[in-house]
Amino acid sequence: MPQWNGQWPGERTCLDRHGNTCWQLERMHNGVRYSRRLEARNESEALAELALFERDPNAYLTKSQAARKAAVPLPQVHL
């Protein structure tokens, strides 16, 4: 369970096991609750991610989710 230690405009922050701040985005949009740990290194990156989320909450992906979605699978070769 995270040790919550602060607030930011996206909701709250916690410390990871290495003592780094984690930025937790928690919002309600059209009756749907969103809760995502952002892959931000500082508050300004977290605020940029918050702006992207607020533009289109249903389509928002974290950096790693977007990278996985963009990865093109290699065609399979049958021998």
N, C-alpha and C. Protein backbone atom coordinates (compact mmCIF):
# COMPACT_ATOMS: atom_id res chain seq x y z
N MET A 1 0.85 -1.18 0.00
CA MET A 1 0.00 0.00 0.00
C MET A 1 0.89 1.24 0.00
N PRO A 2 0.61 2.21 -0.87
CA PRO A 2 1.46 3.40 -0.94
C PRO A 2 1.38 4.24 0.33
N GLN A 3 2.47 4.91 0.60
CA GLN A 3 2.54 5.87 1.70
C GLN A 3 2.30 7.25 1.11
N TRP A 4 1.05 7.73 1.17
CA TRP A 4 0.73 9.03 0.58
C TRP A 4 1.43 10.12 1.37
N ASN A 5 2.04 11.07 0.65
CA ASN A 5 2.80 12.09 1.36
C ASN A 5 2.55 13.51 0.88
N GLY A 6 1.67 13.71 -0.08
CA GLY A 6 1.44 15.07 -0.53
C GLY A 6 0.30 15.18 -1.52
N GLN A 7 0.04 16.41 -1.93
CA GLN A 7 -1.02 16.72 -2.88
C GLN A 7 -0.42 17.44 -4.08
N TRP A 8 -1.07 17.32 -5.21
CA TRP A 8 -0.77 18.11 -6.40
C TRP A 8 -2.09 18.27 -7.14
N PRO A 9 -2.19 19.14 -8.15
CA PRO A 9 -3.48 19.38 -8.80
C PRO A 9 -4.14 18.12 -9.37
N GLY A 10 -3.39 17.06 -9.68
CA GLY A 10 -3.96 15.82 -10.19
C GLY A 10 -4.47 14.90 -9.11
N GLU A 11 -4.12 15.09 -7.90
CA GLU A 11 -4.63 14.43 -6.70
C GLU A 11 -3.56 14.31 -5.62
N ARG A 12 -2.78 13.21 -5.62
CA ARG A 12 -1.85 13.04 -4.51
C ARG A 12 -0.55 12.39 -4.95
N THR A 13 0.43 12.44 -4.06
CA THR A 13 1.74 11.87 -4.34
C THR A 13 2.09 10.85 -3.25
N CYS A 14 3.02 9.98 -3.60
CA CYS A 14 3.54 9.01 -2.63
C CYS A 14 5.02 8.81 -2.90
N LEU A 15 5.67 8.08 -2.06
CA LEU A 15 7.08 7.74 -2.25
C LEU A 15 7.19 6.29 -2.68
N ASP A 16 8.05 6.03 -3.68
CA ASP A 16 8.28 4.65 -4.08
C ASP A 16 9.34 4.04 -3.16
N ARG A 17 9.70 2.81 -3.40
CA ARG A 17 10.64 2.12 -2.52
C ARG A 17 12.05 2.71 -2.53
N HIS A 18 12.33 3.55 -3.54
CA HIS A 18 13.64 4.20 -3.63
C HIS A 18 13.61 5.61 -3.07
N GLY A 19 12.46 6.04 -2.57
CA GLY A 19 12.32 7.37 -2.00
C GLY A 19 11.99 8.46 -3.01
N ASN A 20 11.66 8.06 -4.25
CA ASN A 20 11.29 9.02 -5.28
C ASN A 20 9.79 9.31 -5.22
N THR A 21 9.42 10.53 -5.55
CA THR A 21 8.01 10.90 -5.56
C THR A 21 7.29 10.26 -6.74
N CYS A 22 6.13 9.68 -6.48
CA CYS A 22 5.26 9.12 -7.50
C CYS A 22 4.03 10.02 -7.59
N TRP A 23 3.60 10.29 -8.81
CA TRP A 23 2.48 11.19 -9.05
C TRP A 23 1.26 10.36 -9.42
N GLN A 24 0.25 10.40 -8.56
CA GLN A 24 -0.97 9.62 -8.76
C GLN A 24 -2.06 10.54 -9.30
N LEU A 25 -2.60 10.19 -10.46
CA LEU A 25 -3.69 10.94 -11.08
C LEU A 25 -4.99 10.25 -10.70
N GLU A 26 -5.89 10.98 -10.07
CA GLU A 26 -7.19 10.43 -9.69
C GLU A 26 -8.27 11.44 -10.06
N ARG A 27 -9.15 11.03 -10.94
CA ARG A 27 -10.21 11.91 -11.43
C ARG A 27 -11.48 11.10 -11.69
N MET A 28 -12.61 11.80 -11.62
CA MET A 28 -13.89 11.24 -12.01
C MET A 28 -14.32 11.99 -13.27
N HIS A 29 -14.68 11.24 -14.33
CA HIS A 29 -15.12 11.87 -15.57
C HIS A 29 -16.29 11.08 -16.11
N ASN A 30 -17.43 11.74 -16.27
CA ASN A 30 -18.66 11.10 -16.76
C ASN A 30 -19.01 9.82 -15.99
N GLY A 31 -18.85 9.88 -14.69
CA GLY A 31 -19.20 8.75 -13.84
C GLY A 31 -18.17 7.64 -13.80
N VAL A 32 -17.04 7.82 -14.47
CA VAL A 32 -15.98 6.81 -14.48
C VAL A 32 -14.82 7.33 -13.64
N ARG A 33 -14.36 6.50 -12.71
CA ARG A 33 -13.24 6.87 -11.84
C ARG A 33 -11.95 6.42 -12.50
N TYR A 34 -11.01 7.36 -12.66
CA TYR A 34 -9.70 7.08 -13.22
C TYR A 34 -8.66 7.21 -12.11
N SER A 35 -7.77 6.25 -12.02
CA SER A 35 -6.68 6.30 -11.05
C SER A 35 -5.46 5.68 -11.73
N ARG A 36 -4.47 6.52 -12.00
CA ARG A 36 -3.28 6.05 -12.70
C ARG A 36 -2.03 6.63 -12.05
N ARG A 37 -1.02 5.81 -11.91
CA ARG A 37 0.28 6.30 -11.48
C ARG A 37 1.00 6.80 -12.72
N LEU A 38 1.36 8.07 -12.71
CA LEU A 38 2.01 8.66 -13.87
C LEU A 38 3.49 8.33 -13.90
N GLU A 39 4.05 8.32 -15.08
CA GLU A 39 5.48 8.07 -15.26
C GLU A 39 6.20 9.41 -15.40
N ALA A 40 6.01 10.26 -14.41
CA ALA A 40 6.59 11.60 -14.41
C ALA A 40 7.72 11.65 -13.39
N ARG A 41 8.77 12.40 -13.74
CA ARG A 41 9.91 12.53 -12.84
C ARG A 41 9.80 13.74 -11.92
N ASN A 42 8.90 14.67 -12.27
CA ASN A 42 8.75 15.87 -11.45
C ASN A 42 7.34 16.43 -11.66
N GLU A 43 7.03 17.48 -10.91
CA GLU A 43 5.67 18.01 -10.96
C GLU A 43 5.35 18.62 -12.32
N SER A 44 6.32 19.24 -12.97
CA SER A 44 6.01 19.85 -14.27
C SER A 44 5.67 18.77 -15.30
N GLU A 45 6.34 17.63 -15.28
CA GLU A 45 5.97 16.52 -16.17
C GLU A 45 4.60 15.97 -15.79
N ALA A 46 4.32 15.89 -14.50
CA ALA A 46 3.01 15.40 -14.05
C ALA A 46 1.90 16.35 -14.51
N LEU A 47 2.15 17.65 -14.45
CA LEU A 47 1.15 18.62 -14.90
C LEU A 47 0.91 18.51 -16.40
N ALA A 48 1.96 18.22 -17.17
CA ALA A 48 1.81 18.03 -18.61
C ALA A 48 0.95 16.79 -18.88
N GLU A 49 1.18 15.71 -18.14
CA GLU A 49 0.37 14.50 -18.29
C GLU A 49 -1.08 14.77 -17.88
N LEU A 50 -1.27 15.56 -16.84
CA LEU A 50 -2.62 15.93 -16.41
C LEU A 50 -3.35 16.68 -17.53
N ALA A 51 -2.66 17.59 -18.20
CA ALA A 51 -3.26 18.34 -19.31
C ALA A 51 -3.67 17.39 -20.44
N LEU A 52 -2.82 16.41 -20.74
CA LEU A 52 -3.17 15.42 -21.78
C LEU A 52 -4.38 14.60 -21.36
N PHE A 53 -4.41 14.20 -20.10
CA PHE A 53 -5.55 13.43 -19.59
C PHE A 53 -6.84 14.24 -19.70
N GLU A 54 -6.79 15.50 -19.28
CA GLU A 54 -7.99 16.32 -19.27
C GLU A 54 -8.49 16.62 -20.68
N ARG A 55 -7.61 16.59 -21.67
CA ARG A 55 -8.03 16.80 -23.05
C ARG A 55 -8.98 15.68 -23.50
N ASP A 56 -8.66 14.42 -23.16
CA ASP A 56 -9.49 13.29 -23.55
C ASP A 56 -9.25 12.13 -22.58
N PRO A 57 -9.95 12.13 -21.44
CA PRO A 57 -9.73 11.10 -20.42
C PRO A 57 -9.89 9.67 -20.91
N ASN A 58 -10.84 9.43 -21.80
CA ASN A 58 -11.08 8.07 -22.28
C ASN A 58 -9.94 7.53 -23.13
N ALA A 59 -9.23 8.40 -23.82
CA ALA A 59 -8.15 7.98 -24.71
C ALA A 59 -6.77 8.11 -24.07
N TYR A 60 -6.68 8.67 -22.86
CA TYR A 60 -5.38 8.91 -22.25
C TYR A 60 -4.62 7.61 -21.98
N LEU A 61 -3.34 7.61 -22.34
CA LEU A 61 -2.44 6.50 -22.05
C LEU A 61 -1.19 7.06 -21.40
N THR A 62 -0.62 6.31 -20.45
CA THR A 62 0.66 6.71 -19.89
C THR A 62 1.73 6.52 -20.97
N LYS A 63 2.93 6.99 -20.71
CA LYS A 63 4.01 6.89 -21.70
C LYS A 63 4.26 5.44 -22.12
N SER A 64 4.35 4.54 -21.16
CA SER A 64 4.64 3.15 -21.51
C SER A 64 3.45 2.48 -22.21
N GLN A 65 2.22 2.85 -21.83
CA GLN A 65 1.05 2.30 -22.51
C GLN A 65 1.04 2.75 -23.97
N ALA A 66 1.36 4.02 -24.22
CA ALA A 66 1.39 4.55 -25.59
C ALA A 66 2.49 3.86 -26.40
N ALA A 67 3.64 3.61 -25.77
CA ALA A 67 4.75 2.95 -26.47
C ALA A 67 4.36 1.52 -26.86
N ARG A 68 3.71 0.81 -25.94
CA ARG A 68 3.28 -0.57 -26.24
C ARG A 68 2.24 -0.58 -27.37
N LYS A 69 1.34 0.39 -27.34
CA LYS A 69 0.32 0.45 -28.38
C LYS A 69 0.93 0.77 -29.73
N ALA A 70 1.98 1.60 -29.73
CA ALA A 70 2.62 2.02 -30.98
C ALA A 70 3.54 0.94 -31.55
N ALA A 71 3.95 0.00 -30.72
CA ALA A 71 4.86 -1.05 -31.18
C ALA A 71 4.15 -1.89 -32.24
N VAL A 72 4.81 -2.04 -33.35
CA VAL A 72 4.24 -2.81 -34.46
C VAL A 72 4.77 -4.23 -34.37
N PRO A 73 3.88 -5.21 -34.28
CA PRO A 73 4.37 -6.59 -34.21
C PRO A 73 5.00 -7.01 -35.54
N LEU A 74 6.05 -7.78 -35.46
CA LEU A 74 6.72 -8.28 -36.65
C LEU A 74 5.88 -9.39 -37.27
N PRO A 75 5.85 -9.45 -38.58
CA PRO A 75 5.08 -10.52 -39.22
C PRO A 75 5.73 -11.88 -38.91
N GLN A 76 4.91 -12.87 -38.75
CA GLN A 76 5.43 -14.20 -38.46
C GLN A 76 5.80 -14.89 -39.76
N VAL A 77 6.94 -15.53 -39.74
CA VAL A 77 7.42 -16.26 -40.92
C VAL A 77 7.20 -17.74 -40.66
N HIS A 78 6.52 -18.38 -41.55
CA HIS A 78 6.28 -19.82 -41.43
C HIS A 78 7.22 -20.56 -42.35
N LEU A 79 7.96 -21.47 -41.78
CA LEU A 79 8.92 -22.23 -42.58
C LEU A 79 8.36 -23.59 -42.92
